Amino acid sequence: MARNSVLDRHHVLFDAAAIAAHACFAAKGFRQKDLRFLFELFSNWLESATGGPVLSIQNTQIGRYLSSLVRDGSAKRMVSGKRPLYRLTRVGLMECLTRIVHRRHWWPMEEFLFVFHFVASYHARIEEIIKREGVLFPQVLKAEIRQLLDLKELVDRQEQLLDREIQRLGLRISDARKSSELAQSLIQGGSPVEQVVEGVQRRFPYQLNNQKPLLELFRETPEEDWLWQMETGAMKRVEHIFAPLREMLMRYRSLVVEMKRTEIPGKSRGSGGGPARSAG
């Protein structure tokens, strides 16, 4: 799907609103204003993360999102009276669900909590759609959608993604400490500054080295800055950035594990509440 910055930044809310609108108005189709209301309702639940009680969204952005769904075959546009109506296609339902629950990177906490709540709440509604249109849903598609609705898989995936990031931050912390120790040793041994930089880069290459090699970067700054970055800067980044982030993610992971223990007693089942029952 073609994206602009707003659609890309808030795609979870757009896709969740489309699924919710389809679930609520599947019989006749949903209007653009139905989708906008649900988008704004969901954004209100995340107000602490979105910077206000409701995200500012324009009708043109809603229209652009719906046009992209129709263009990709994920929705059908029907004309009824003055206003067009929309319905997700079966493939579109699966595509929107897939974009919501499948990620390569861990979800920010507020987004993960929303996705968990959304899947739990709409599980039963989506199952009803599958049953009502059962002959139109191939068995493979049914199985894929039900797998996307599995809360345990959702939480397990988030736990795995957090584990990967916690491990990555641990490696960055370890490398920063070792590189600082190496720099101090070379400086105390009387090595020229450029040799210190080359020695650190050879043992602990920094992640943007393919864009600008470390020695080239340091040649653009005063020599006293080189020494500070080698001896002190790396450890300050551990203290101010990497260690606090790792600690935050470890606490976040504990919350995710607790959700798996308390919120998913057996095979995940949705309450089917939808926005009308949880619009607080």
Protein backbone atom coordinates (compact mmCIF):
# COMPACT_ATOMS: atom_id res chain seq x y z
CA MET A 1 0.00 0.00 0.00
CA ALA A 2 1.30 3.45 -0.90
CA ARG A 3 1.88 5.49 2.26
CA ASN A 4 2.36 9.10 3.22
CA SER A 5 3.87 10.24 6.50
CA VAL A 6 0.56 10.37 8.41
CA LEU A 7 -0.63 6.97 7.20
CA ASP A 8 2.74 5.42 7.89
CA ARG A 9 3.09 6.93 11.36
CA HIS A 10 -0.41 5.91 12.49
CA HIS A 11 -1.06 2.86 10.31
CA VAL A 12 -2.12 0.75 13.32
CA LEU A 13 -4.94 3.18 14.11
CA PHE A 14 -6.02 3.44 10.46
CA ASP A 15 -6.07 -0.34 9.97
CA ALA A 16 -7.76 -0.97 13.33
CA ALA A 17 -10.43 1.62 12.49
CA ALA A 18 -11.03 -0.03 9.11
CA ILE A 19 -11.49 -3.46 10.71
CA ALA A 20 -13.76 -2.01 13.40
CA ALA A 21 -15.86 -0.14 10.82
CA HIS A 22 -16.15 -3.27 8.70
CA ALA A 23 -17.15 -5.33 11.73
CA CYS A 24 -19.79 -2.81 12.83
CA PHE A 25 -21.26 -2.03 9.42
CA ALA A 26 -20.51 -5.18 7.41
CA ALA A 27 -24.11 -5.61 6.29
CA LYS A 28 -24.40 -2.31 4.41
CA GLY A 29 -20.86 -0.89 4.42
CA PHE A 30 -19.26 1.93 6.38
CA ARG A 31 -18.94 5.62 5.56
CA GLN A 32 -15.83 7.75 5.58
CA LYS A 33 -17.09 9.53 8.70
CA ASP A 34 -17.51 6.14 10.47
CA LEU A 35 -13.85 5.40 9.85
CA ARG A 36 -12.84 8.88 11.02
CA PHE A 37 -14.83 8.54 14.25
CA LEU A 38 -13.25 5.18 15.08
CA PHE A 39 -9.77 6.49 14.27
CA GLU A 40 -10.32 9.43 16.62
CA LEU A 41 -11.82 7.18 19.30
CA PHE A 42 -8.82 4.86 19.22
CA SER A 43 -6.40 7.80 19.25
CA ASN A 44 -8.19 9.13 22.34
CA TRP A 45 -7.38 5.90 24.18
CA LEU A 46 -3.71 6.60 23.45
CA GLU A 47 -3.79 10.30 24.26
CA SER A 48 -0.73 10.17 26.53
CA ALA A 49 1.33 8.92 23.57
CA THR A 50 -0.25 10.97 20.77
CA GLY A 51 0.10 14.37 22.42
CA GLY A 52 -3.56 15.21 22.99
CA PRO A 53 -7.05 13.80 23.54
CA VAL A 54 -7.61 13.17 19.80
CA LEU A 55 -5.18 13.05 16.88
CA SER A 56 -5.89 15.74 14.32
CA ILE A 57 -6.87 13.95 11.12
CA GLN A 58 -8.29 15.47 7.95
CA ASN A 59 -11.01 14.08 5.71
CA THR A 60 -8.51 14.15 2.85
CA GLN A 61 -6.22 11.80 4.79
CA ILE A 62 -9.10 9.43 5.54
CA GLY A 63 -10.09 9.57 1.88
CA ARG A 64 -6.52 8.90 0.78
CA TYR A 65 -6.34 5.86 3.07
CA LEU A 66 -9.65 4.45 1.75
CA SER A 67 -8.57 5.07 -1.85
CA SER A 68 -5.37 3.12 -1.22
CA LEU A 69 -7.39 0.20 0.20
CA VAL A 70 -9.64 0.17 -2.88
CA ARG A 71 -6.68 0.50 -5.25
CA ASP A 72 -4.93 -2.47 -3.59
CA GLY A 73 -8.05 -4.64 -3.68
CA SER A 74 -8.35 -4.52 0.12
CA ALA A 75 -11.73 -2.75 0.05
CA LYS A 76 -14.70 -2.23 -2.26
CA ARG A 77 -16.34 1.13 -2.86
CA MET A 78 -20.10 1.16 -3.31
CA VAL A 79 -22.29 4.14 -4.10
CA SER A 80 -25.48 4.52 -2.08
CA GLY A 81 -27.16 7.91 -2.18
CA LYS A 82 -24.81 10.89 -1.95
CA ARG A 83 -22.06 9.18 0.06
CA PRO A 84 -19.94 6.18 -0.93
CA LEU A 85 -19.91 3.13 1.31
CA TYR A 86 -16.95 0.79 1.85
CA ARG A 87 -16.45 -2.84 2.81
CA LEU A 88 -13.18 -4.65 3.35
CA THR A 89 -12.59 -7.59 1.07
CA ARG A 90 -11.66 -10.92 2.65
CA VAL A 91 -8.04 -10.39 1.62
CA GLY A 92 -8.24 -6.81 2.89
CA LEU A 93 -9.39 -7.99 6.32
CA MET A 94 -6.37 -10.27 6.52
CA GLU A 95 -4.02 -7.56 5.22
CA CYS A 96 -5.17 -5.02 7.81
CA LEU A 97 -4.84 -7.59 10.60
CA THR A 98 -1.40 -8.59 9.38
CA ARG A 99 -0.15 -4.99 9.38
CA ILE A 100 -1.46 -4.56 12.93
CA VAL A 101 -0.01 -7.68 14.57
CA HIS A 102 3.13 -8.48 12.53
CA ARG A 103 6.21 -6.38 13.26
CA ARG A 104 9.93 -6.76 12.87
CA HIS A 105 10.59 -4.32 15.70
CA TRP A 106 9.06 -4.31 19.20
CA TRP A 107 5.92 -2.26 19.70
CA PRO A 108 6.12 0.87 21.86
CA MET A 109 4.21 0.09 25.06
CA GLU A 110 1.13 2.20 24.34
CA GLU A 111 0.78 0.74 20.85
CA PHE A 112 1.20 -2.83 22.06
CA LEU A 113 -1.44 -2.36 24.76
CA PHE A 114 -3.82 -0.98 22.14
CA VAL A 115 -3.18 -3.84 19.71
CA PHE A 116 -3.68 -6.40 22.49
CA HIS A 117 -6.98 -4.76 23.52
CA PHE A 118 -8.14 -4.45 19.91
CA VAL A 119 -7.47 -8.09 19.03
CA ALA A 120 -9.09 -9.30 22.27
CA SER A 121 -12.16 -7.09 21.71
CA TYR A 122 -12.71 -7.80 18.01
CA HIS A 123 -11.81 -11.48 17.97
CA ALA A 124 -15.46 -12.59 18.31
CA ARG A 125 -16.74 -10.00 15.81
CA ILE A 126 -14.31 -11.15 13.17
CA GLU A 127 -15.16 -14.79 13.86
CA GLU A 128 -18.82 -13.88 13.26
CA ILE A 129 -17.91 -12.38 9.88
CA ILE A 130 -16.01 -15.53 8.93
CA LYS A 131 -18.96 -17.73 9.92
CA ARG A 132 -21.51 -15.53 8.15
CA GLU A 133 -19.46 -15.49 4.93
CA GLY A 134 -18.01 -18.93 5.50
CA VAL A 135 -18.41 -20.27 1.98
CA LEU A 136 -16.59 -17.21 0.62
CA PHE A 137 -13.58 -17.64 2.91
CA PRO A 138 -11.10 -20.29 1.70
CA GLN A 139 -9.95 -22.60 4.51
CA VAL A 140 -6.37 -21.35 4.23
CA LEU A 141 -7.52 -17.74 4.65
CA LYS A 142 -9.67 -18.67 7.66
CA ALA A 143 -6.70 -20.39 9.29
CA GLU A 144 -4.40 -17.41 8.64
CA ILE A 145 -6.86 -14.90 10.09
CA ARG A 146 -7.44 -17.02 13.19
CA GLN A 147 -3.71 -17.27 13.70
CA LEU A 148 -3.46 -13.48 13.49
CA LEU A 149 -6.14 -13.28 16.21
CA ASP A 150 -4.24 -15.52 18.60
CA LEU A 151 -3.36 -13.37 21.61
CA LYS A 152 -0.73 -15.80 22.88
CA GLU A 153 1.16 -15.57 19.60
CA LEU A 154 0.89 -11.78 19.72
CA VAL A 155 2.35 -11.61 23.24
CA ASP A 156 5.00 -14.25 22.51
CA ARG A 157 6.15 -12.25 19.47
CA GLN A 158 6.43 -9.06 21.51
CA GLU A 159 8.40 -10.89 24.19
CA GLN A 160 10.80 -12.25 21.57
CA LEU A 161 11.26 -8.82 19.95
CA LEU A 162 11.95 -7.26 23.34
CA ASP A 163 14.45 -10.01 24.17
CA ARG A 164 16.26 -9.29 20.90
CA GLU A 165 16.44 -5.55 21.63
CA ILE A 166 17.52 -6.08 25.25
CA GLN A 167 20.30 -8.35 24.01
CA ARG A 168 21.34 -5.78 21.38
CA LEU A 169 21.52 -3.00 23.97
CA GLY A 170 23.54 -5.29 26.23
CA LEU A 171 26.07 -5.76 23.43
CA ARG A 172 26.26 -2.01 22.82
CA ILE A 173 26.88 -1.41 26.51
CA SER A 174 29.59 -4.08 26.58
CA ASP A 175 31.28 -2.74 23.43
CA ALA A 176 31.18 0.84 24.73
CA ARG A 177 32.84 -0.17 27.98
CA LYS A 178 35.50 -2.22 26.24
CA SER A 179 36.20 0.48 23.67
CA SER A 180 36.60 3.07 26.44
CA GLU A 181 39.00 0.78 28.31
CA LEU A 182 40.98 0.15 25.11
CA ALA A 183 41.21 3.88 24.36
CA GLN A 184 42.41 4.65 27.89
CA SER A 185 45.04 1.91 27.65
CA LEU A 186 46.35 3.14 24.28
CA ILE A 187 46.40 6.78 25.39
CA GLN A 188 48.21 5.95 28.63
CA GLY A 189 50.68 3.90 26.56
CA GLY A 190 51.54 6.99 24.54
CA SER A 191 49.87 6.04 21.24
CA PRO A 192 49.17 8.94 18.85
CA VAL A 193 45.52 9.97 18.75
CA GLU A 194 44.95 8.66 15.21
CA GLN A 195 46.30 5.25 16.25
CA VAL A 196 43.90 5.26 19.19
CA VAL A 197 40.98 5.93 16.85
CA GLU A 198 42.15 3.27 14.38
CA GLY A 199 42.62 0.73 17.18
CA VAL A 200 39.14 1.34 18.59
CA GLN A 201 37.55 1.26 15.13
CA ARG A 202 39.27 -2.02 14.26
CA ARG A 203 38.07 -3.74 17.44
CA PHE A 204 34.71 -2.01 17.91
CA PRO A 205 33.43 -0.56 14.61
CA TYR A 206 30.61 1.92 15.06
CA GLN A 207 27.31 1.28 13.29
CA LEU A 208 27.47 4.13 10.76
CA ASN A 209 30.98 3.29 9.61
CA ASN A 210 29.79 2.49 6.07
CA GLN A 211 28.48 6.07 5.77
CA LYS A 212 31.45 7.79 7.38
CA PRO A 213 34.48 5.90 8.76
CA LEU A 214 35.29 6.75 12.36
CA LEU A 215 38.71 8.22 11.56
CA GLU A 216 37.17 10.51 8.93
CA LEU A 217 34.54 11.61 11.45
CA PHE A 218 37.13 12.46 14.08
CA ARG A 219 39.31 14.35 11.60
CA GLU A 220 36.44 16.83 11.29
CA THR A 221 36.57 17.68 15.00
CA PRO A 222 39.25 19.20 17.27
CA GLU A 223 41.78 16.71 18.66
CA GLU A 224 40.69 17.29 22.28
CA ASP A 225 37.19 16.16 21.27
CA TRP A 226 38.67 12.91 19.94
CA LEU A 227 40.15 12.09 23.30
CA TRP A 228 36.92 12.92 25.15
CA GLN A 229 34.86 10.78 22.78
CA MET A 230 37.27 7.84 23.08
CA GLU A 231 37.69 7.88 26.87
CA THR A 232 34.52 9.47 28.22
CA GLY A 233 31.87 9.89 25.53
CA ALA A 234 31.28 6.16 25.06
CA MET A 235 30.64 5.65 28.77
CA LYS A 236 28.40 8.70 28.96
CA ARG A 237 26.24 7.18 26.21
CA VAL A 238 25.97 4.02 28.29
CA GLU A 239 25.02 6.03 31.37
CA HIS A 240 22.58 8.40 29.69
CA ILE A 241 21.06 6.30 26.88
CA PHE A 242 21.79 2.59 26.53
CA ALA A 243 21.60 1.43 30.16
CA PRO A 244 18.37 3.35 30.96
CA LEU A 245 16.77 2.09 27.73
CA ARG A 246 17.73 -1.48 28.56
CA GLU A 247 16.33 -1.14 32.07
CA MET A 248 13.09 0.31 30.70
CA LEU A 249 12.70 -2.54 28.20
CA MET A 250 13.37 -5.16 30.89
CA ARG A 251 10.56 -3.67 32.99
CA TYR A 252 8.35 -3.51 29.91
CA ARG A 253 9.11 -7.17 29.20
CA SER A 254 8.04 -8.07 32.75
CA LEU A 255 4.67 -6.41 32.10
CA VAL A 256 4.27 -8.37 28.85
CA VAL A 257 5.05 -11.66 30.60
CA GLU A 258 2.55 -10.79 33.33
CA MET A 259 -0.12 -10.09 30.70
CA LYS A 260 0.49 -13.51 29.22
CA ARG A 261 0.03 -15.09 32.64
CA THR A 262 -3.07 -13.17 33.72
CA GLU A 263 -4.87 -12.15 30.52
CA ILE A 264 -4.59 -15.34 28.46
CA PRO A 265 -5.70 -18.27 30.67
CA GLY A 266 -6.31 -20.56 27.71
CA LYS A 267 -6.76 -20.25 23.97
CA SER A 268 -7.42 -16.58 23.28
CA ARG A 269 -11.09 -15.59 23.05
CA GLY A 270 -12.43 -12.15 22.28
CA SER A 271 -15.18 -10.48 24.25
CA GLY A 272 -16.70 -9.02 21.10
CA GLY A 273 -17.26 -5.76 22.94
CA GLY A 274 -16.21 -3.41 20.16
CA PRO A 275 -16.09 0.36 20.50
CA ALA A 276 -19.70 0.77 21.60
CA ARG A 277 -18.95 -1.12 24.84
CA SER A 278 -15.51 0.32 25.49
CA ALA A 279 -15.64 3.94 24.37
CA GLY A 280 -14.52 5.35 27.70
